């Protein structure tokens, strides 16, 4: 089992960044994390960039839409 320190030593050599550390960096703006519905909460990619509340509402709307299409 490796410690976190050993993993960081692999990324930095003599105080300089290696190619691995440059590839691991990700820049994300706060606005990119916000729920796509604009509710002010943070979204997650697993939920289509929606917060949990908006995801639940989206799922309910999708189910209603599917049920309506089946009963048409």
PDB file of N, CA and C in Angstrom:
ATOM      1  N   UNK A   1       0.852  -1.174   0.000  1.00  0.00           N
ATOM      2  CA  UNK A   1       0.000   0.000   0.000  1.00  0.00           C
ATOM      3  C   UNK A   1       0.893   1.231   0.000  1.00  0.00           C
ATOM      4  N   UNK A   2       0.611   2.166  -0.907  1.00  0.00           N
ATOM      5  CA  UNK A   2       1.454   3.343  -1.001  1.00  0.00           C
ATOM      6  C   UNK A   2       0.822   4.498  -0.258  1.00  0.00           C
ATOM      7  N   UNK A   3       1.665   5.370   0.256  1.00  0.00           N
ATOM      8  CA  UNK A   3       1.144   6.550   0.938  1.00  0.00           C
ATOM      9  C   UNK A   3       0.944   7.670  -0.059  1.00  0.00           C
ATOM     10  N   UNK A   4       0.164   8.666   0.311  1.00  0.00           N
ATOM     11  CA  UNK A   4      -0.083   9.803  -0.563  1.00  0.00           C
ATOM     12  C   UNK A   4       1.200  10.541  -0.890  1.00  0.00           C
ATOM     13  N   UNK A   5       2.140  10.564   0.065  1.00  0.00           N
ATOM     14  CA  UNK A   5       3.401  11.266  -0.149  1.00  0.00           C
ATOM     15  C   UNK A   5       4.188  10.623  -1.281  1.00  0.00           C
ATOM     16  N   UNK A   6       4.229   9.318  -1.324  1.00  0.00           N
ATOM     17  CA  UNK A   6       4.962   8.626  -2.379  1.00  0.00           C
ATOM     18  C   UNK A   6       4.356   8.928  -3.743  1.00  0.00           C
ATOM     19  N   UNK A   7       3.042   9.023  -3.825  1.00  0.00           N
ATOM     20  CA  UNK A   7       2.395   9.330  -5.094  1.00  0.00           C
ATOM     21  C   UNK A   7       2.794  10.718  -5.568  1.00  0.00           C
ATOM     22  N   UNK A   8       2.880  11.686  -4.637  1.00  0.00           N
ATOM     23  CA  UNK A   8       3.271  13.037  -5.016  1.00  0.00           C
ATOM     24  C   UNK A   8       4.730  13.081  -5.438  1.00  0.00           C
ATOM     25  N   UNK A   9       5.569  12.259  -4.839  1.00  0.00           N
ATOM     26  CA  UNK A   9       6.976  12.232  -5.229  1.00  0.00           C
ATOM     27  C   UNK A   9       7.118  11.761  -6.668  1.00  0.00           C
ATOM     28  N   UNK A  10       6.221  10.905  -7.129  1.00  0.00           N
ATOM     29  CA  UNK A  10       6.266  10.444  -8.513  1.00  0.00           C
ATOM     30  C   UNK A  10       5.892  11.563  -9.483  1.00  0.00           C
ATOM     31  N   UNK A  11       5.073  12.503  -9.031  1.00  0.00           N
ATOM     32  CA  UNK A  11       4.595  13.572  -9.896  1.00  0.00           C
ATOM     33  C   UNK A  11       5.607  14.712  -9.970  1.00  0.00           C
ATOM     34  N   UNK A  12       6.264  15.021  -8.860  1.00  0.00           N
ATOM     35  CA  UNK A  12       7.233  16.108  -8.832  1.00  0.00           C
ATOM     36  C   UNK A  12       8.641  15.548  -8.690  1.00  0.00           C
ATOM     37  N   UNK A  13       9.515  15.957  -9.567  1.00  0.00           N
ATOM     38  CA  UNK A  13      10.906  15.521  -9.527  1.00  0.00           C
ATOM     39  C   UNK A  13      11.768  16.764  -9.376  1.00  0.00           C
ATOM     40  N   UNK A  14      12.564  16.816  -8.316  1.00  0.00           N
ATOM     41  CA  UNK A  14      13.446  17.957  -8.047  1.00  0.00           C
ATOM     42  C   UNK A  14      12.689  19.282  -8.073  1.00  0.00           C
ATOM     43  N   UNK A  15      11.460  19.298  -7.544  1.00  0.00           N
ATOM     44  CA  UNK A  15      10.684  20.524  -7.464  1.00  0.00           C
ATOM     45  C   UNK A  15      10.036  20.952  -8.769  1.00  0.00           C
ATOM     46  N   UNK A  16      10.213  20.194  -9.837  1.00  0.00           N
ATOM     47  CA  UNK A  16       9.613  20.552 -11.123  1.00  0.00           C
ATOM     48  C   UNK A  16       8.479  19.589 -11.449  1.00  0.00           C
ATOM     49  N   UNK A  17       7.516  20.101 -12.177  1.00  0.00           N
ATOM     50  CA  UNK A  17       6.397  19.268 -12.596  1.00  0.00           C
ATOM     51  C   UNK A  17       6.837  18.312 -13.699  1.00  0.00           C
ATOM     52  N   UNK A  18       6.300  17.123 -13.653  1.00  0.00           N
ATOM     53  CA  UNK A  18       6.537  16.169 -14.729  1.00  0.00           C
ATOM     54  C   UNK A  18       5.364  16.237 -15.697  1.00  0.00           C
ATOM     55  N   UNK A  19       5.471  15.561 -16.793  1.00  0.00           N
ATOM     56  CA  UNK A  19       4.387  15.519 -17.781  1.00  0.00           C
ATOM     57  C   UNK A  19       3.106  14.982 -17.146  1.00  0.00           C
ATOM     58  N   UNK A  20       3.222  13.988 -16.274  1.00  0.00           N
ATOM     59  CA  UNK A  20       2.051  13.412 -15.610  1.00  0.00           C
ATOM     60  C   UNK A  20       1.314  14.473 -14.809  1.00  0.00           C
ATOM     61  N   UNK A  21       2.030  15.277 -14.046  1.00  0.00           N
ATOM     62  CA  UNK A  21       1.361  16.288 -13.225  1.00  0.00           C
ATOM     63  C   UNK A  21       0.690  17.339 -14.095  1.00  0.00           C
ATOM     64  N   UNK A  22       1.261  17.669 -15.233  1.00  0.00           N
ATOM     65  CA  UNK A  22       0.635  18.646 -16.119  1.00  0.00           C
ATOM     66  C   UNK A  22      -0.652  18.083 -16.710  1.00  0.00           C
ATOM     67  N   UNK A  23      -0.677  16.800 -17.006  1.00  0.00           N
ATOM     68  CA  UNK A  23      -1.882  16.188 -17.577  1.00  0.00           C
ATOM     69  C   UNK A  23      -2.970  16.009 -16.536  1.00  0.00           C
ATOM     70  N   UNK A  24      -2.595  15.884 -15.255  1.00  0.00           N
ATOM     71  CA  UNK A  24      -3.576  15.652 -14.203  1.00  0.00           C
ATOM     72  C   UNK A  24      -4.327  16.918 -13.807  1.00  0.00           C
ATOM     73  N   UNK A  25      -3.804  18.074 -14.130  1.00  0.00           N
ATOM     74  CA  UNK A  25      -4.451  19.321 -13.746  1.00  0.00           C
ATOM     75  C   UNK A  25      -5.710  19.544 -14.577  1.00  0.00           C
ATOM     76  N   UNK A  26      -6.752  19.948 -13.899  1.00  0.00           N
ATOM     77  CA  UNK A  26      -8.023  20.244 -14.555  1.00  0.00           C
ATOM     78  C   UNK A  26      -8.465  21.615 -14.069  1.00  0.00           C
ATOM     79  N   UNK A  27      -8.841  22.448 -14.988  1.00  0.00           N
ATOM     80  CA  UNK A  27      -9.333  23.768 -14.606  1.00  0.00           C
ATOM     81  C   UNK A  27     -10.842  23.805 -14.817  1.00  0.00           C
ATOM     82  N   UNK A  28     -11.553  24.055 -13.724  1.00  0.00           N
ATOM     83  CA  UNK A  28     -13.010  24.113 -13.776  1.00  0.00           C
ATOM     84  C   UNK A  28     -13.441  25.421 -13.126  1.00  0.00           C
ATOM     85  N   UNK A  29     -14.234  26.176 -13.832  1.00  0.00           N
ATOM     86  CA  UNK A  29     -14.782  27.408 -13.269  1.00  0.00           C
ATOM     87  C   UNK A  29     -15.996  27.074 -12.423  1.00  0.00           C
ATOM     88  N   UNK A  30     -16.247  27.894 -11.413  1.00  0.00           N
ATOM     89  CA  UNK A  30     -17.392  27.661 -10.536  1.00  0.00           C
ATOM     90  C   UNK A  30     -18.699  27.649 -11.326  1.00  0.00           C
ATOM     91  N   UNK A  31     -18.808  28.519 -12.332  1.00  0.00           N
ATOM     92  CA  UNK A  31     -20.048  28.568 -13.119  1.00  0.00           C
ATOM     93  C   UNK A  31     -20.274  27.271 -13.888  1.00  0.00           C
ATOM     94  N   UNK A  32     -19.200  26.545 -14.203  1.00  0.00           N
ATOM     95  CA  UNK A  32     -19.335  25.267 -14.900  1.00  0.00           C
ATOM     96  C   UNK A  32     -19.918  24.186 -13.997  1.00  0.00           C
ATOM     97  N   UNK A  33     -19.842  24.394 -12.697  1.00  0.00           N
ATOM     98  CA  UNK A  33     -20.347  23.410 -11.742  1.00  0.00           C
ATOM     99  C   UNK A  33     -21.796  23.663 -11.342  1.00  0.00           C
ATOM    100  N   UNK A  34     -22.318  24.817 -11.699  1.00  0.00           N
ATOM    101  CA  UNK A  34     -23.669  25.184 -11.283  1.00  0.00           C
ATOM    102  C   UNK A  34     -24.712  24.350 -12.035  1.00  0.00           C
ATOM    103  N   UNK A  35     -25.840  24.141 -11.401  1.00  0.00           N
ATOM    104  CA  UNK A  35     -26.960  23.409 -11.994  1.00  0.00           C
ATOM    105  C   UNK A  35     -27.401  24.108 -13.278  1.00  0.00           C
ATOM    106  N   UNK A  36     -27.660  23.325 -14.320  1.00  0.00           N
ATOM    107  CA  UNK A  36     -28.034  23.914 -15.610  1.00  0.00           C
ATOM    108  C   UNK A  36     -29.404  24.586 -15.569  1.00  0.00           C
ATOM    109  N   UNK A  37     -30.192  24.323 -14.543  1.00  0.00           N
ATOM    110  CA  UNK A  37     -31.505  24.964 -14.427  1.00  0.00           C
ATOM    111  C   UNK A  37     -31.407  26.355 -13.815  1.00  0.00           C
ATOM    112  N   UNK A  38     -30.215  26.733 -13.355  1.00  0.00           N
ATOM    113  CA  UNK A  38     -30.021  28.066 -12.798  1.00  0.00           C
ATOM    114  C   UNK A  38     -30.632  28.269 -11.425  1.00  0.00           C
ATOM    115  N   UNK A  39     -30.790  27.201 -10.664  1.00  0.00           N
ATOM    116  CA  UNK A  39     -31.424  27.294  -9.348  1.00  0.00           C
ATOM    117  C   UNK A  39     -30.471  27.809  -8.269  1.00  0.00           C
ATOM    118  N   UNK A  40     -29.170  27.841  -8.569  1.00  0.00           N
ATOM    119  CA  UNK A  40     -28.196  28.324  -7.594  1.00  0.00           C
ATOM    120  C   UNK A  40     -27.451  27.220  -6.873  1.00  0.00           C
ATOM    121  N   UNK A  41     -27.867  25.983  -7.038  1.00  0.00           N
ATOM    122  CA  UNK A  41     -27.167  24.860  -6.434  1.00  0.00           C
ATOM    123  C   UNK A  41     -26.156  24.299  -7.426  1.00  0.00           C
ATOM    124  N   UNK A  42     -25.302  23.413  -6.952  1.00  0.00           N
ATOM    125  CA  UNK A  42     -24.288  22.804  -7.810  1.00  0.00           C
ATOM    126  C   UNK A  42     -24.816  21.524  -8.433  1.00  0.00           C
ATOM    127  N   UNK A  43     -24.495  21.324  -9.701  1.00  0.00           N
ATOM    128  CA  UNK A  43     -24.903  20.126 -10.418  1.00  0.00           C
ATOM    129  C   UNK A  43     -23.784  19.106 -10.471  1.00  0.00           C
ATOM    130  N   UNK A  44     -24.093  17.949 -11.018  1.00  0.00           N
ATOM    131  CA  UNK A  44     -23.104  16.891 -11.179  1.00  0.00           C
ATOM    132  C   UNK A  44     -23.304  16.252 -12.553  1.00  0.00           C
ATOM    133  N   UNK A  45     -22.202  15.877 -13.218  1.00  0.00           N
ATOM    134  CA  UNK A  45     -22.322  15.277 -14.556  1.00  0.00           C
ATOM    135  C   UNK A  45     -23.189  14.019 -14.582  1.00  0.00           C
ATOM    136  N   UNK A  46     -23.179  13.248 -13.499  1.00  0.00           N
ATOM    137  CA  UNK A  46     -23.975  12.020 -13.458  1.00  0.00           C
ATOM    138  C   UNK A  46     -25.467  12.312 -13.547  1.00  0.00           C
ATOM    139  N   UNK A  47     -25.863  13.522 -13.176  1.00  0.00           N
ATOM    140  CA  UNK A  47     -27.274  13.898 -13.209  1.00  0.00           C
ATOM    141  C   UNK A  47     -27.530  14.952 -14.274  1.00  0.00           C
ATOM    142  N   UNK A  48     -26.779  14.898 -15.366  1.00  0.00           N
ATOM    143  CA  UNK A  48     -26.990  15.842 -16.459  1.00  0.00           C
ATOM    144  C   UNK A  48     -26.697  17.278 -16.061  1.00  0.00           C
ATOM    145  N   UNK A  49     -25.723  17.458 -15.177  1.00  0.00           N
ATOM    146  CA  UNK A  49     -25.321  18.780 -14.661  1.00  0.00           C
ATOM    147  C   UNK A  49     -26.441  19.480 -13.899  1.00  0.00           C
ATOM    148  N   UNK A  50     -27.303  18.679 -13.284  1.00  0.00           N
ATOM    149  CA  UNK A  50     -28.372  19.212 -12.440  1.00  0.00           C
ATOM    150  C   UNK A  50     -28.061  18.906 -10.980  1.00  0.00           C
ATOM    151  N   UNK A  51     -28.640  19.701 -10.086  1.00  0.00           N
ATOM    152  CA  UNK A  51     -28.552  19.401  -8.659  1.00  0.00           C
ATOM    153  C   UNK A  51     -29.543  18.268  -8.360  1.00  0.00           C
ATOM    154  N   UNK A  52     -29.521  17.767  -7.149  1.00  0.00           N
ATOM    155  CA  UNK A  52     -30.390  16.631  -6.817  1.00  0.00           C
ATOM    156  C   UNK A  52     -31.871  16.997  -6.924  1.00  0.00           C
ATOM    157  N   UNK A  53     -32.235  18.208  -6.525  1.00  0.00           N
ATOM    158  CA  UNK A  53     -33.637  18.629  -6.591  1.00  0.00           C
ATOM    159  C   UNK A  53     -34.112  18.721  -8.040  1.00  0.00           C
ATOM    160  N   UNK A  54     -33.322  19.375  -8.887  1.00  0.00           N
ATOM    161  CA  UNK A  54     -33.705  19.522 -10.298  1.00  0.00           C
ATOM    162  C   UNK A  54     -33.653  18.181 -11.023  1.00  0.00           C
ATOM    163  N   UNK A  55     -32.737  17.302 -10.634  1.00  0.00           N
ATOM    164  CA  UNK A  55     -32.668  15.974 -11.242  1.00  0.00           C
ATOM    165  C   UNK A  55     -33.942  15.193 -10.947  1.00  0.00           C
ATOM    166  N   UNK A  56     -34.389  15.255  -9.693  1.00  0.00           N
ATOM    167  CA  UNK A  56     -35.628  14.569  -9.310  1.00  0.00           C
ATOM    168  C   UNK A  56     -36.803  15.101 -10.122  1.00  0.00           C
ATOM    169  N   UNK A  57     -36.887  16.422 -10.239  1.00  0.00           N
ATOM    170  CA  UNK A  57     -37.971  17.026 -11.015  1.00  0.00           C
ATOM    171  C   UNK A  57     -37.876  16.640 -12.492  1.00  0.00           C
ATOM    172  N   UNK A  58     -36.668  16.568 -13.009  1.00  0.00           N
ATOM    173  CA  UNK A  58     -36.449  16.161 -14.401  1.00  0.00           C
ATOM    174  C   UNK A  58     -36.905  14.713 -14.614  1.00  0.00           C
ATOM    175  N   UNK A  59     -36.569  13.837 -13.675  1.00  0.00           N
ATOM    176  CA  UNK A  59     -36.966  12.434 -13.779  1.00  0.00           C
ATOM    177  C   UNK A  59     -38.488  12.293 -13.749  1.00  0.00           C
ATOM    178  N   UNK A  60     -39.149  13.045 -12.888  1.00  0.00           N
ATOM    179  CA  UNK A  60     -40.610  13.004 -12.806  1.00  0.00           C
ATOM    180  C   UNK A  60     -41.222  13.481 -14.119  1.00  0.00           C
ATOM    181  N   UNK A  61     -40.687  14.570 -14.671  1.00  0.00           N
ATOM    182  CA  UNK A  61     -41.195  15.099 -15.943  1.00  0.00           C
ATOM    183  C   UNK A  61     -40.968  14.106 -17.079  1.00  0.00           C
ATOM    184  N   UNK A  62     -39.818  13.450 -17.101  1.00  0.00           N
ATOM    185  CA  UNK A  62     -39.529  12.445 -18.130  1.00  0.00           C
ATOM    186  C   UNK A  62     -40.505  11.278 -18.036  1.00  0.00           C
ATOM    187  N   UNK A  63     -40.761  10.815 -16.813  1.00  0.00           N
ATOM    188  CA  UNK A  63     -41.690   9.697 -16.622  1.00  0.00           C
ATOM    189  C   UNK A  63     -43.093  10.090 -17.076  1.00  0.00           C
ATOM    190  N   UNK A  64     -43.518  11.298 -16.716  1.00  0.00           N
ATOM    191  CA  UNK A  64     -44.838  11.764 -17.157  1.00  0.00           C
ATOM    192  C   UNK A  64     -44.917  11.810 -18.675  1.00  0.00           C
ATOM    193  N   UNK A  65     -43.864  12.296 -19.291  1.00  0.00           N
ATOM    194  CA  UNK A  65     -43.820  12.395 -20.749  1.00  0.00           C
ATOM    195  C   UNK A  65     -43.893  11.010 -21.393  1.00  0.00           C
ATOM    196  N   UNK A  66     -43.163  10.052 -20.832  1.00  0.00           N
ATOM    197  CA  UNK A  66     -43.179   8.680 -21.355  1.00  0.00           C
ATOM    198  C   UNK A  66     -44.548   8.044 -21.154  1.00  0.00           C
ATOM    199  N   UNK A  67     -45.132   8.252 -19.973  1.00  0.00           N
ATOM    200  CA  UNK A  67     -46.462   7.700 -19.695  1.00  0.00           C
ATOM    201  C   UNK A  67     -47.504   8.301 -20.634  1.00  0.00           C
ATOM    202  N   UNK A  68     -47.399   9.588 -20.899  1.00  0.00           N
ATOM    203  CA  UNK A  68     -48.326  10.250 -21.807  1.00  0.00           C
ATOM    204  C   UNK A  68     -48.195   9.675 -23.215  1.00  0.00           C
ATOM    205  N   UNK A  69     -46.953   9.468 -23.662  1.00  0.00           N
ATOM    206  CA  UNK A  69     -46.719   8.926 -25.006  1.00  0.00           C
ATOM    207  C   UNK A  69     -47.270   7.504 -25.126  1.00  0.00           C
ATOM    208  N   UNK A  70     -47.164   6.704 -24.063  1.00  0.00           N
ATOM    209  CA  UNK A  70     -47.674   5.329 -24.085  1.00  0.00           C
ATOM    210  C   UNK A  70     -49.198   5.306 -24.162  1.00  0.00           C
ATOM    211  N   UNK A  71     -49.842   6.248 -23.490  1.00  0.00           N
ATOM    212  CA  UNK A  71     -51.303   6.266 -23.407  1.00  0.00           C
ATOM    213  C   UNK A  71     -51.960   7.065 -24.516  1.00  0.00           C
ATOM    214  N   UNK A  72     -51.218   7.575 -25.416  1.00  0.00           N
ATOM    215  CA  UNK A  72     -51.740   8.389 -26.512  1.00  0.00           C
ATOM    216  C   UNK A  72     -52.518   7.569 -27.500  1.00  0.00           C
TER     217      UNK A  72
END
